[in-house]
Amino acid sequence: MDHVVLIGYLAATLTTVAFLPQLIKVWKNRSAKDISYAMLLIFSFGVLCWLIYGFLIGSLPIIFANSLTLVLNLLILVLKIKFG
């Protein structure tokens, strides 16, 4: 595997995993009151744009990272709606 692609996968993994602590905290506390709807929506749209870009250029690290990040962010949004 090319070292550039490896760095891409490392970056993808770290930036995606960064959302897990927030998701776990919201789930455990049953509260998302301090999380902004605007941030979640803007970030989700930005990640969706990155995902589309990844497909257009055929970059697996970008596709991988942004697919998972979008799912995690949307889960946080769902919990925000559920728990307020």
Protein backbone atom coordinates (compact mmCIF):
# COMPACT_ATOMS: atom_id res chain seq x y z
CA MET A 1 0.00 0.00 0.00
CA ASP A 2 1.30 3.42 -0.97
CA HIS A 3 2.39 5.57 2.02
CA VAL A 4 0.20 8.45 0.80
CA VAL A 5 -2.88 6.20 0.83
CA LEU A 6 -1.84 4.87 4.24
CA ILE A 7 -1.70 8.42 5.62
CA GLY A 8 -5.14 9.00 4.09
CA TYR A 9 -6.55 5.96 5.88
CA LEU A 10 -4.93 7.02 9.15
CA ALA A 11 -6.43 10.51 8.85
CA ALA A 12 -9.79 8.98 7.92
CA THR A 13 -9.74 6.67 10.92
CA LEU A 14 -8.75 9.34 13.43
CA THR A 15 -11.23 11.98 12.25
CA THR A 16 -14.04 9.44 12.16
CA VAL A 17 -13.27 7.88 15.53
CA ALA A 18 -13.20 11.39 17.02
CA PHE A 19 -17.02 11.38 16.94
CA LEU A 20 -17.40 8.20 18.99
CA PRO A 21 -16.79 9.81 22.41
CA GLN A 22 -19.48 12.42 21.69
CA LEU A 23 -21.94 9.80 20.49
CA ILE A 24 -21.27 7.63 23.55
CA LYS A 25 -21.62 10.61 25.91
CA VAL A 26 -24.96 11.66 24.40
CA TRP A 27 -26.22 8.07 24.55
CA LYS A 28 -25.11 7.50 28.16
CA ASN A 29 -26.34 10.86 29.47
CA ARG A 30 -29.52 10.83 27.40
CA SER A 31 -28.88 14.51 26.75
CA ALA A 32 -27.69 16.51 23.77
CA LYS A 33 -28.84 19.93 24.91
CA ASP A 34 -25.40 21.51 24.54
CA ILE A 35 -24.96 20.39 20.95
CA SER A 36 -26.00 22.88 18.29
CA TYR A 37 -28.48 21.85 15.59
CA ALA A 38 -26.82 24.31 13.23
CA MET A 39 -23.39 22.71 13.74
CA LEU A 40 -24.76 19.21 13.19
CA LEU A 41 -26.60 20.20 10.01
CA ILE A 42 -23.78 22.28 8.53
CA PHE A 43 -21.21 19.63 9.36
CA SER A 44 -23.39 16.86 7.90
CA PHE A 45 -23.78 18.80 4.66
CA GLY A 46 -20.03 19.42 4.51
CA VAL A 47 -19.29 15.72 5.08
CA LEU A 48 -21.82 14.81 2.39
CA CYS A 49 -19.99 17.13 -0.01
CA TRP A 50 -16.67 15.46 0.90
CA LEU A 51 -18.28 12.06 0.32
CA ILE A 52 -19.50 13.08 -3.13
CA TYR A 53 -16.05 14.50 -3.89
CA GLY A 54 -14.46 11.22 -2.80
CA PHE A 55 -16.67 9.28 -5.21
CA LEU A 56 -15.95 11.73 -8.03
CA ILE A 57 -12.17 11.36 -7.67
CA GLY A 58 -12.30 7.69 -6.67
CA SER A 59 -10.52 8.15 -3.33
CA LEU A 60 -11.25 5.25 -0.98
CA PRO A 61 -9.87 7.01 2.14
CA ILE A 62 -12.17 9.98 1.55
CA ILE A 63 -15.14 7.72 0.80
CA PHE A 64 -14.43 5.55 3.86
CA ALA A 65 -13.94 8.43 6.28
CA ASN A 66 -16.84 10.51 5.19
CA SER A 67 -19.29 7.62 4.96
CA LEU A 68 -18.61 6.65 8.57
CA THR A 69 -18.41 10.24 9.79
CA LEU A 70 -21.74 11.05 8.17
CA VAL A 71 -23.39 8.04 9.84
CA LEU A 72 -21.96 8.95 13.26
CA ASN A 73 -22.95 12.59 12.90
CA LEU A 74 -26.47 11.67 11.79
CA LEU A 75 -26.76 9.35 14.79
CA ILE A 76 -25.82 12.26 17.05
CA LEU A 77 -28.45 14.37 15.26
CA VAL A 78 -31.09 11.67 15.80
CA LEU A 79 -30.17 11.48 19.49
CA LYS A 80 -30.30 15.28 19.69
CA ILE A 81 -33.84 15.18 18.36
CA LYS A 82 -34.77 12.29 20.67
CA PHE A 83 -33.14 13.56 23.86
CA GLY A 84 -33.18 17.30 23.20
